Each structure stands twice: as structure tokens, then as C-alpha cells.
Amino acid sequence: TLLPEGEAYYPKDELTDKSERFFVSEIIREKILLNYHQE
């Protein structure tokens, strides 16, 4: 209801602006966050 009128900013078949490599790096970093402690 609050969204303004306008054309789509991205192709309708896309899910995100990030690359495949970005999500790979984030998955690896998530596992490090879960397996290690302190700093």
C-alpha cells in the first residue's frame, strides 16, 4: 500500500543483485562464525 508507482528496477526473473561468488563467500563466512569464538 505504501509502495510508489514506477517501473521495475530489475528484471522480474532476478532474485538479488549479488553474484554467485558472493553467496559462496557468505556461506563459508557463516560457517566460520558458527565454528569459532571470540575475535
All heavy atoms as atom14 arrays in JSON, in Angstrom:
{
  "sequence": "TLLPEGEAYYPKDELTDKSERFFVSEIIREKILLNYHQE",
  "atom14_mask": [
    [1, 1, 1, 1, 1, 1, 1, 0, 0, 0, 0, 0, 0, 0],
    [1, 1, 1, 1, 1, 1, 1, 1, 0, 0, 0, 0, 0, 0],
    [1, 1, 1, 1, 1, 1, 1, 1, 0, 0, 0, 0, 0, 0],
    [1, 1, 1, 1, 1, 1, 1, 0, 0, 0, 0, 0, 0, 0],
    [1, 1, 1, 1, 1, 1, 1, 1, 1, 0, 0, 0, 0, 0],
    [1, 1, 1, 1, 0, 0, 0, 0, 0, 0, 0, 0, 0, 0],
    [1, 1, 1, 1, 1, 1, 1, 1, 1, 0, 0, 0, 0, 0],
    [1, 1, 1, 1, 1, 0, 0, 0, 0, 0, 0, 0, 0, 0],
    [1, 1, 1, 1, 1, 1, 1, 1, 1, 1, 1, 1, 0, 0],
    [1, 1, 1, 1, 1, 1, 1, 1, 1, 1, 1, 1, 0, 0],
    [1, 1, 1, 1, 1, 1, 1, 0, 0, 0, 0, 0, 0, 0],
    [1, 1, 1, 1, 1, 1, 1, 1, 1, 0, 0, 0, 0, 0],
    [1, 1, 1, 1, 1, 1, 1, 1, 0, 0, 0, 0, 0, 0],
    [1, 1, 1, 1, 1, 1, 1, 1, 1, 0, 0, 0, 0, 0],
    [1, 1, 1, 1, 1, 1, 1, 1, 0, 0, 0, 0, 0, 0],
    [1, 1, 1, 1, 1, 1, 1, 0, 0, 0, 0, 0, 0, 0],
    [1, 1, 1, 1, 1, 1, 1, 1, 0, 0, 0, 0, 0, 0],
    [1, 1, 1, 1, 1, 1, 1, 1, 1, 0, 0, 0, 0, 0],
    [1, 1, 1, 1, 1, 1, 0, 0, 0, 0, 0, 0, 0, 0],
    [1, 1, 1, 1, 1, 1, 1, 1, 1, 0, 0, 0, 0, 0],
    [1, 1, 1, 1, 1, 1, 1, 1, 1, 1, 1, 0, 0, 0],
    [1, 1, 1, 1, 1, 1, 1, 1, 1, 1, 1, 0, 0, 0],
    [1, 1, 1, 1, 1, 1, 1, 1, 1, 1, 1, 0, 0, 0],
    [1, 1, 1, 1, 1, 1, 1, 0, 0, 0, 0, 0, 0, 0],
    [1, 1, 1, 1, 1, 1, 0, 0, 0, 0, 0, 0, 0, 0],
    [1, 1, 1, 1, 1, 1, 1, 1, 1, 0, 0, 0, 0, 0],
    [1, 1, 1, 1, 1, 1, 1, 1, 0, 0, 0, 0, 0, 0],
    [1, 1, 1, 1, 1, 1, 1, 1, 0, 0, 0, 0, 0, 0],
    [1, 1, 1, 1, 1, 1, 1, 1, 1, 1, 1, 0, 0, 0],
    [1, 1, 1, 1, 1, 1, 1, 1, 1, 0, 0, 0, 0, 0],
    [1, 1, 1, 1, 1, 1, 1, 1, 1, 0, 0, 0, 0, 0],
    [1, 1, 1, 1, 1, 1, 1, 1, 0, 0, 0, 0, 0, 0],
    [1, 1, 1, 1, 1, 1, 1, 1, 0, 0, 0, 0, 0, 0],
    [1, 1, 1, 1, 1, 1, 1, 1, 0, 0, 0, 0, 0, 0],
    [1, 1, 1, 1, 1, 1, 1, 1, 0, 0, 0, 0, 0, 0],
    [1, 1, 1, 1, 1, 1, 1, 1, 1, 1, 1, 1, 0, 0],
    [1, 1, 1, 1, 1, 1, 1, 1, 1, 1, 0, 0, 0, 0],
    [1, 1, 1, 1, 1, 1, 1, 1, 1, 0, 0, 0, 0, 0],
    [1, 1, 1, 1, 1, 1, 1, 1, 1, 0, 0, 0, 0, 0]
  ],
  "atom14_positions": [
    [[0.83, -1.21, 0.0], [0.0, 0.0, 0.0], [0.86, 1.26, 0.0], [0.45, 2.29, -0.53], [-0.94, 0.03, 1.22], [-0.17, 0.1, 2.43], [-1.83, -1.2, 1.26], [0.0, 0.0, 0.0], [0.0, 0.0, 0.0], [0.0, 0.0, 0.0], [0.0, 0.0, 0.0], [0.0, 0.0, 0.0], [0.0, 0.0, 0.0], [0.0, 0.0, 0.0]],
    [[2.06, 1.19, 0.58], [2.93, 2.36, 0.67], [3.86, 2.5, -0.53], [4.45, 3.57, -0.75], [3.79, 2.27, 1.95], [3.05, 2.34, 3.29], [4.02, 2.07, 4.43], [2.4, 3.71, 3.46], [0.0, 0.0, 0.0], [0.0, 0.0, 0.0], [0.0, 0.0, 0.0], [0.0, 0.0, 0.0], [0.0, 0.0, 0.0], [0.0, 0.0, 0.0]],
    [[4.0, 1.43, -1.29], [4.96, 1.43, -2.4], [4.55, 2.43, -3.48], [3.39, 2.46, -3.88], [5.02, 0.02, -2.99], [6.34, -0.47, -3.6], [7.44, -0.52, -2.55], [6.15, -1.86, -4.21], [0.0, 0.0, 0.0], [0.0, 0.0, 0.0], [0.0, 0.0, 0.0], [0.0, 0.0, 0.0], [0.0, 0.0, 0.0], [0.0, 0.0, 0.0]],
    [[5.48, 3.25, -3.97], [5.12, 4.22, -5.02], [4.97, 3.55, -6.38], [5.49, 2.46, -6.62], [6.32, 5.17, -5.02], [7.47, 4.35, -4.53], [6.88, 3.39, -3.53], [0.0, 0.0, 0.0], [0.0, 0.0, 0.0], [0.0, 0.0, 0.0], [0.0, 0.0, 0.0], [0.0, 0.0, 0.0], [0.0, 0.0, 0.0], [0.0, 0.0, 0.0]],
    [[4.27, 4.22, -7.27], [4.15, 3.71, -8.63], [5.46, 3.92, -9.37], [6.16, 4.91, -9.18], [3.01, 4.43, -9.37], [1.63, 4.07, -8.86], [0.51, 4.6, -9.74], [0.84, 5.18, -10.8], [-0.66, 4.44, -9.38], [0.0, 0.0, 0.0], [0.0, 0.0, 0.0], [0.0, 0.0, 0.0], [0.0, 0.0, 0.0], [0.0, 0.0, 0.0]],
    [[5.79, 2.95, -10.24], [7.02, 3.05, -11.02], [7.33, 1.74, -11.71], [6.75, 0.7, -11.39], [0.0, 0.0, 0.0], [0.0, 0.0, 0.0], [0.0, 0.0, 0.0], [0.0, 0.0, 0.0], [0.0, 0.0, 0.0], [0.0, 0.0, 0.0], [0.0, 0.0, 0.0], [0.0, 0.0, 0.0], [0.0, 0.0, 0.0], [0.0, 0.0, 0.0]],
    [[8.24, 1.83, -12.66], [8.67, 0.64, -13.39], [9.6, -0.2, -12.53], [10.2, 0.28, -11.56], [9.39, 1.04, -14.69], [8.52, 1.81, -15.67], [7.33, 0.98, -16.14], [7.53, -0.22, -16.41], [6.22, 1.52, -16.23], [0.0, 0.0, 0.0], [0.0, 0.0, 0.0], [0.0, 0.0, 0.0], [0.0, 0.0, 0.0], [0.0, 0.0, 0.0]],
    [[9.74, -1.47, -12.89], [10.64, -2.36, -12.16], [12.08, -1.9, -12.32], [12.49, -1.44, -13.4], [10.48, -3.79, -12.68], [0.0, 0.0, 0.0], [0.0, 0.0, 0.0], [0.0, 0.0, 0.0], [0.0, 0.0, 0.0], [0.0, 0.0, 0.0], [0.0, 0.0, 0.0], [0.0, 0.0, 0.0], [0.0, 0.0, 0.0], [0.0, 0.0, 0.0]],
    [[12.85, -2.0, -11.27], [14.26, -1.62, -11.31], [15.14, -2.75, -11.85], [16.22, -2.49, -12.39], [14.75, -1.25, -9.9], [14.18, 0.05, -9.39], [13.03, 0.07, -8.6], [14.79, 1.26, -9.7], [12.52, 1.28, -8.12], [14.28, 2.46, -9.23], [13.15, 2.46, -8.44], [12.64, 3.64, -7.98], [0.0, 0.0, 0.0], [0.0, 0.0, 0.0]],
    [[14.7, -3.98, -11.68], [15.49, -5.14, -12.09], [14.6, -6.08, -12.91], [13.37, -6.06, -12.76], [16.03, -5.89, -10.86], [16.98, -5.07, -10.02], [16.5, -4.27, -8.97], [18.34, -5.08, -10.26], [17.36, -3.51, -8.19], [19.22, -4.33, -9.49], [18.73, -3.55, -8.45], [19.58, -2.79, -7.69], [0.0, 0.0, 0.0], [0.0, 0.0, 0.0]],
    [[15.21, -6.92, -13.76], [14.42, -7.93, -14.48], [13.61, -8.77, -13.51], [14.08, -9.11, -12.41], [15.49, -8.77, -15.19], [16.65, -7.84, -15.37], [16.65, -6.96, -14.14], [0.0, 0.0, 0.0], [0.0, 0.0, 0.0], [0.0, 0.0, 0.0], [0.0, 0.0, 0.0], [0.0, 0.0, 0.0], [0.0, 0.0, 0.0], [0.0, 0.0, 0.0]],
    [[12.39, -9.13, -13.9], [11.47, -9.82, -12.99], [11.91, -11.24, -12.64], [11.41, -11.83, -11.68], [10.07, -9.86, -13.61], [9.34, -8.51, -13.61], [8.97, -8.07, -12.2], [8.07, -6.86, -12.19], [6.67, -7.12, -12.3], [0.0, 0.0, 0.0], [0.0, 0.0, 0.0], [0.0, 0.0, 0.0], [0.0, 0.0, 0.0], [0.0, 0.0, 0.0]],
    [[12.85, -11.82, -13.4], [13.29, -13.18, -13.1], [14.51, -13.2, -12.18], [15.05, -14.27, -11.87], [13.6, -13.96, -14.38], [14.67, -13.29, -15.23], [15.05, -12.14, -14.92], [15.14, -13.92, -16.2], [0.0, 0.0, 0.0], [0.0, 0.0, 0.0], [0.0, 0.0, 0.0], [0.0, 0.0, 0.0], [0.0, 0.0, 0.0], [0.0, 0.0, 0.0]],
    [[14.96, -12.03, -11.7], [16.11, -11.98, -10.8], [15.65, -12.03, -9.35], [14.55, -11.58, -9.02], [16.94, -10.72, -11.05], [17.71, -10.76, -12.37], [18.67, -9.59, -12.51], [18.82, -8.81, -11.53], [19.27, -9.45, -13.6], [0.0, 0.0, 0.0], [0.0, 0.0, 0.0], [0.0, 0.0, 0.0], [0.0, 0.0, 0.0], [0.0, 0.0, 0.0]],
    [[16.53, -12.56, -8.49], [16.23, -12.68, -7.07], [17.04, -11.69, -6.23], [16.6, -11.23, -5.18], [16.51, -14.11, -6.59], [16.28, -14.43, -5.11], [14.81, -14.27, -4.76], [16.74, -15.86, -4.8], [0.0, 0.0, 0.0], [0.0, 0.0, 0.0], [0.0, 0.0, 0.0], [0.0, 0.0, 0.0], [0.0, 0.0, 0.0], [0.0, 0.0, 0.0]],
    [[18.24, -11.34, -6.72], [19.13, -10.48, -5.96], [20.1, -9.8, -6.9], [20.23, -10.18, -8.07], [19.91, -11.3, -4.9], [20.78, -10.43, -4.16], [20.74, -12.39, -5.57], [0.0, 0.0, 0.0], [0.0, 0.0, 0.0], [0.0, 0.0, 0.0], [0.0, 0.0, 0.0], [0.0, 0.0, 0.0], [0.0, 0.0, 0.0], [0.0, 0.0, 0.0]],
    [[20.8, -8.79, -6.37], [21.82, -8.1, -7.16], [23.2, -8.71, -6.98], [24.15, -8.33, -7.66], [21.87, -6.63, -6.76], [22.37, -6.44, -5.33], [22.03, -7.27, -4.46], [23.09, -5.46, -5.06], [0.0, 0.0, 0.0], [0.0, 0.0, 0.0], [0.0, 0.0, 0.0], [0.0, 0.0, 0.0], [0.0, 0.0, 0.0], [0.0, 0.0, 0.0]],
    [[23.35, -9.66, -6.06], [24.66, -10.22, -5.75], [25.01, -11.39, -6.68], [24.14, -12.08, -7.2], [24.7, -10.69, -4.3], [24.53, -9.57, -3.28], [25.63, -8.54, -3.39], [25.5, -7.46, -2.32], [26.5, -6.39, -2.47], [0.0, 0.0, 0.0], [0.0, 0.0, 0.0], [0.0, 0.0, 0.0], [0.0, 0.0, 0.0], [0.0, 0.0, 0.0]],
    [[26.32, -11.63, -6.8], [26.81, -12.68, -7.69], [26.84, -14.03, -7.0], [26.72, -14.13, -5.77], [28.24, -12.34, -8.16], [29.14, -12.38, -7.06], [0.0, 0.0, 0.0], [0.0, 0.0, 0.0], [0.0, 0.0, 0.0], [0.0, 0.0, 0.0], [0.0, 0.0, 0.0], [0.0, 0.0, 0.0], [0.0, 0.0, 0.0], [0.0, 0.0, 0.0]],
    [[27.04, -15.07, -7.79], [27.17, -16.43, -7.22], [28.37, -16.51, -6.28], [28.31, -17.13, -5.22], [27.31, -17.44, -8.36], [26.07, -17.56, -9.23], [26.32, -18.41, -10.47], [27.45, -18.36, -11.01], [25.39, -19.1, -10.91], [0.0, 0.0, 0.0], [0.0, 0.0, 0.0], [0.0, 0.0, 0.0], [0.0, 0.0, 0.0], [0.0, 0.0, 0.0]],
    [[29.45, -15.85, -6.65], [30.66, -15.86, -5.82], [30.39, -15.22, -4.45], [30.92, -15.67, -3.43], [31.8, -15.13, -6.52], [32.33, -15.87, -7.75], [33.52, -15.15, -8.35], [34.0, -15.84, -9.54], [35.28, -16.04, -9.82], [36.2, -15.61, -8.98], [35.64, -16.66, -10.93], [0.0, 0.0, 0.0], [0.0, 0.0, 0.0], [0.0, 0.0, 0.0]],
    [[29.58, -14.16, -4.44], [29.27, -13.5, -3.18], [28.58, -14.47, -2.22], [28.93, -14.55, -1.04], [28.36, -12.29, -3.42], [27.88, -11.64, -2.16], [28.67, -10.74, -1.47], [26.62, -11.94, -1.64], [28.24, -10.14, -0.3], [26.18, -11.35, -0.47], [26.99, -10.45, 0.21], [0.0, 0.0, 0.0], [0.0, 0.0, 0.0], [0.0, 0.0, 0.0]],
    [[27.61, -15.23, -2.71], [26.87, -16.14, -1.83], [27.73, -17.3, -1.37], [27.59, -17.78, -0.25], [25.59, -16.62, -2.51], [24.56, -15.54, -2.62], [24.28, -14.93, -3.82], [23.89, -15.09, -1.5], [23.36, -13.91, -3.91], [22.96, -14.07, -1.57], [22.7, -13.48, -2.78], [0.0, 0.0, 0.0], [0.0, 0.0, 0.0], [0.0, 0.0, 0.0]],
    [[28.65, -17.74, -2.21], [29.61, -18.76, -1.77], [30.44, -18.22, -0.61], [30.61, -18.9, 0.42], [30.51, -19.2, -2.94], [31.67, -20.06, -2.42], [29.72, -19.98, -3.97], [0.0, 0.0, 0.0], [0.0, 0.0, 0.0], [0.0, 0.0, 0.0], [0.0, 0.0, 0.0], [0.0, 0.0, 0.0], [0.0, 0.0, 0.0], [0.0, 0.0, 0.0]],
    [[30.97, -17.01, -0.76], [31.8, -16.43, 0.3], [31.01, -16.23, 1.59], [31.52, -16.45, 2.7], [32.41, -15.1, -0.17], [31.4, -14.12, -0.35], [0.0, 0.0, 0.0], [0.0, 0.0, 0.0], [0.0, 0.0, 0.0], [0.0, 0.0, 0.0], [0.0, 0.0, 0.0], [0.0, 0.0, 0.0], [0.0, 0.0, 0.0], [0.0, 0.0, 0.0]],
    [[29.73, -15.85, 1.48], [28.9, -15.65, 2.66], [28.59, -16.97, 3.37], [28.55, -17.03, 4.6], [27.6, -14.94, 2.28], [27.77, -13.46, 1.98], [28.09, -12.66, 3.23], [27.16, -12.2, 3.91], [29.3, -12.49, 3.51], [0.0, 0.0, 0.0], [0.0, 0.0, 0.0], [0.0, 0.0, 0.0], [0.0, 0.0, 0.0], [0.0, 0.0, 0.0]],
    [[28.38, -18.03, 2.61], [28.13, -19.34, 3.22], [29.37, -19.8, 3.99], [29.27, -20.3, 5.12], [27.74, -20.37, 2.14], [26.33, -20.06, 1.62], [27.79, -21.8, 2.71], [25.93, -20.87, 0.39], [0.0, 0.0, 0.0], [0.0, 0.0, 0.0], [0.0, 0.0, 0.0], [0.0, 0.0, 0.0], [0.0, 0.0, 0.0], [0.0, 0.0, 0.0]],
    [[30.54, -19.62, 3.4], [31.79, -20.0, 4.09], [31.96, -19.17, 5.36], [32.31, -19.69, 6.42], [33.0, -19.84, 3.15], [32.89, -20.78, 1.95], [34.31, -20.1, 3.91], [33.86, -20.5, 0.83], [0.0, 0.0, 0.0], [0.0, 0.0, 0.0], [0.0, 0.0, 0.0], [0.0, 0.0, 0.0], [0.0, 0.0, 0.0], [0.0, 0.0, 0.0]],
    [[31.73, -17.87, 5.26], [31.89, -16.98, 6.42], [30.9, -17.34, 7.53], [31.22, -17.27, 8.73], [31.73, -15.53, 6.0], [32.15, -14.53, 7.07], [32.24, -13.12, 6.51], [30.93, -12.63, 6.1], [30.07, -12.05, 6.94], [30.38, -11.89, 8.22], [28.91, -11.63, 6.49], [0.0, 0.0, 0.0], [0.0, 0.0, 0.0], [0.0, 0.0, 0.0]],
    [[29.68, -17.74, 7.14], [28.69, -18.16, 8.13], [29.2, -19.35, 8.93], [29.06, -19.39, 10.17], [27.39, -18.53, 7.43], [26.31, -19.04, 8.38], [25.09, -19.56, 7.64], [25.26, -20.43, 6.78], [23.99, -19.08, 7.94], [0.0, 0.0, 0.0], [0.0, 0.0, 0.0], [0.0, 0.0, 0.0], [0.0, 0.0, 0.0], [0.0, 0.0, 0.0]],
    [[29.82, -20.32, 8.27], [30.34, -21.49, 8.97], [31.48, -21.13, 9.91], [31.63, -21.73, 10.98], [30.78, -22.56, 7.96], [29.69, -23.0, 7.0], [28.38, -23.33, 7.71], [27.25, -23.56, 6.72], [25.93, -23.6, 7.38], [0.0, 0.0, 0.0], [0.0, 0.0, 0.0], [0.0, 0.0, 0.0], [0.0, 0.0, 0.0], [0.0, 0.0, 0.0]],
    [[32.28, -20.15, 9.51], [33.35, -19.69, 10.4], [32.77, -19.0, 11.63], [33.23, -19.21, 12.75], [34.31, -18.77, 9.62], [35.09, -19.59, 8.59], [35.28, -18.05, 10.57], [35.92, -18.78, 7.62], [0.0, 0.0, 0.0], [0.0, 0.0, 0.0], [0.0, 0.0, 0.0], [0.0, 0.0, 0.0], [0.0, 0.0, 0.0], [0.0, 0.0, 0.0]],
    [[31.74, -18.19, 11.43], [31.08, -17.54, 12.57], [30.51, -18.57, 13.55], [30.52, -18.35, 14.77], [29.97, -16.63, 12.07], [30.4, -15.26, 11.53], [29.3, -14.66, 10.67], [30.75, -14.32, 12.68], [0.0, 0.0, 0.0], [0.0, 0.0, 0.0], [0.0, 0.0, 0.0], [0.0, 0.0, 0.0], [0.0, 0.0, 0.0], [0.0, 0.0, 0.0]],
    [[30.02, -19.68, 13.02], [29.39, -20.7, 13.86], [30.41, -21.62, 14.54], [30.11, -22.2, 15.58], [28.42, -21.54, 13.03], [27.18, -20.81, 12.52], [26.4, -21.69, 11.54], [26.28, -20.37, 13.67], [0.0, 0.0, 0.0], [0.0, 0.0, 0.0], [0.0, 0.0, 0.0], [0.0, 0.0, 0.0], [0.0, 0.0, 0.0], [0.0, 0.0, 0.0]],
    [[31.61, -21.74, 13.96], [32.57, -22.72, 14.46], [33.7, -22.14, 15.3], [34.41, -22.88, 15.97], [33.18, -23.5, 13.3], [32.26, -24.6, 12.78], [32.2, -25.69, 13.35], [31.53, -24.31, 11.72], [0.0, 0.0, 0.0], [0.0, 0.0, 0.0], [0.0, 0.0, 0.0], [0.0, 0.0, 0.0], [0.0, 0.0, 0.0], [0.0, 0.0, 0.0]],
    [[33.88, -20.81, 15.27], [34.99, -20.19, 16.0], [34.44, -19.15, 16.96], [33.31, -18.68, 16.81], [36.0, -19.57, 15.04], [36.62, -20.57, 14.09], [36.02, -20.83, 12.87], [37.79, -21.26, 14.42], [36.57, -21.75, 11.98], [38.35, -22.18, 13.54], [37.73, -22.43, 12.32], [38.27, -23.35, 11.46], [0.0, 0.0, 0.0], [0.0, 0.0, 0.0]],
    [[35.26, -18.76, 17.93], [34.79, -17.89, 19.0], [35.67, -16.65, 19.13], [36.68, -16.49, 18.45], [34.77, -18.67, 20.32], [33.96, -19.94, 20.24], [32.59, -19.95, 20.15], [34.35, -21.24, 20.22], [32.15, -21.2, 20.08], [33.2, -22.0, 20.12], [0.0, 0.0, 0.0], [0.0, 0.0, 0.0], [0.0, 0.0, 0.0], [0.0, 0.0, 0.0]],
    [[35.26, -15.8, 20.05], [35.95, -14.55, 20.38], [36.12, -13.69, 19.12], [35.19, -13.52, 18.35], [37.28, -14.86, 21.08], [37.07, -15.58, 22.41], [38.35, -15.93, 23.11], [39.41, -15.99, 22.52], [38.26, -16.18, 24.41], [0.0, 0.0, 0.0], [0.0, 0.0, 0.0], [0.0, 0.0, 0.0], [0.0, 0.0, 0.0], [0.0, 0.0, 0.0]],
    [[37.32, -13.16, 18.9], [37.53, -12.18, 17.83], [37.79, -12.83, 16.47], [37.64, -12.17, 15.44], [38.71, -11.26, 18.2], [38.97, -10.11, 17.24], [37.84, -9.08, 17.2], [36.98, -9.1, 18.1], [37.84, -8.27, 16.27], [0.0, 0.0, 0.0], [0.0, 0.0, 0.0], [0.0, 0.0, 0.0], [0.0, 0.0, 0.0], [0.0, 0.0, 0.0]]
  ]
}
